[in-house]
Amino acid sequence: MSIIVNVDVMLAKRKMTSGELAEKIGITQANLSILKTGKAKAVRFSTLEAICKALDCQPGDILEYKND
């Protein structure tokens, strides 16, 4: 099982850069990169909420479950 993080897809749809998103939600670009690449072990609900607010989307637009 794996969780796919689709932040890049939403960034492209919203025509926003990673740097702009990181600044809007108050995290470093390095931490956003870890999240985007799927290397994060966890994500805080407050961070997920901030991402959804900044990108005007739902958590399901960001996170996807795939059964291997």
Protein backbone atom coordinates (compact mmCIF):
# COMPACT_ATOMS: atom_id res chain seq x y z
CA MET A 1 0.00 0.00 0.00
CA SER A 2 1.18 3.50 -0.66
CA ILE A 3 0.01 7.05 -0.29
CA ILE A 4 0.63 9.28 -3.31
CA VAL A 5 1.10 13.01 -2.74
CA ASN A 6 -0.25 15.09 -5.62
CA VAL A 7 0.91 18.55 -4.55
CA ASP A 8 2.71 19.05 -7.90
CA VAL A 9 -0.51 18.39 -9.80
CA MET A 10 -2.40 20.98 -7.77
CA LEU A 11 0.45 23.49 -8.06
CA ALA A 12 0.34 23.15 -11.84
CA LYS A 13 -3.45 23.52 -11.92
CA ARG A 14 -3.21 26.68 -9.81
CA LYS A 15 -0.15 28.00 -11.70
CA MET A 16 1.77 28.40 -8.44
CA THR A 17 5.41 27.60 -7.66
CA SER A 18 6.61 25.50 -4.76
CA GLY A 19 8.30 28.56 -3.32
CA GLU A 20 5.06 30.54 -3.37
CA LEU A 21 3.18 27.71 -1.66
CA ALA A 22 5.87 27.23 0.98
CA GLU A 23 5.77 30.94 1.78
CA LYS A 24 1.95 31.01 1.94
CA ILE A 25 1.71 28.07 4.32
CA GLY A 26 4.75 28.93 6.43
CA ILE A 27 7.04 25.95 5.86
CA THR A 28 10.46 25.71 4.29
CA GLN A 29 10.91 24.74 0.66
CA ALA A 30 12.97 21.77 1.87
CA ASN A 31 10.08 20.46 3.99
CA LEU A 32 7.62 21.01 1.14
CA SER A 33 9.97 19.09 -1.16
CA ILE A 34 10.04 16.16 1.29
CA LEU A 35 6.26 16.13 1.30
CA LYS A 36 5.99 16.43 -2.50
CA THR A 37 8.37 13.53 -3.13
CA GLY A 38 6.47 11.24 -0.77
CA LYS A 39 9.39 10.90 1.62
CA ALA A 40 7.50 12.42 4.56
CA LYS A 41 6.51 9.94 7.26
CA ALA A 42 3.62 12.11 8.44
CA VAL A 43 1.82 15.35 7.72
CA ARG A 44 0.13 17.52 10.33
CA PHE A 45 -3.53 18.27 9.78
CA SER A 46 -2.72 21.95 10.20
CA THR A 47 -0.22 21.73 7.32
CA LEU A 48 -2.69 19.81 5.16
CA GLU A 49 -5.35 22.40 5.97
CA ALA A 50 -2.99 25.25 5.03
CA ILE A 51 -2.12 23.54 1.73
CA CYS A 52 -5.79 23.02 0.90
CA LYS A 53 -6.60 26.63 1.78
CA ALA A 54 -3.71 28.02 -0.31
CA LEU A 55 -4.53 25.80 -3.30
CA ASP A 56 -8.33 25.99 -2.89
CA CYS A 57 -8.73 22.22 -2.91
CA GLN A 58 -9.77 19.25 -0.79
CA PRO A 59 -7.43 16.81 1.04
CA GLY A 60 -8.42 14.14 -1.48
CA ASP A 61 -6.98 16.32 -4.24
CA ILE A 62 -3.60 16.21 -2.45
CA LEU A 63 -3.48 12.66 -1.07
CA GLU A 64 -4.29 9.46 -2.93
CA TYR A 65 -4.20 5.82 -1.78
CA LYS A 66 -2.97 3.12 -4.15
CA ASN A 67 -3.12 -0.56 -3.25
CA ASP A 68 0.06 -2.21 -4.55
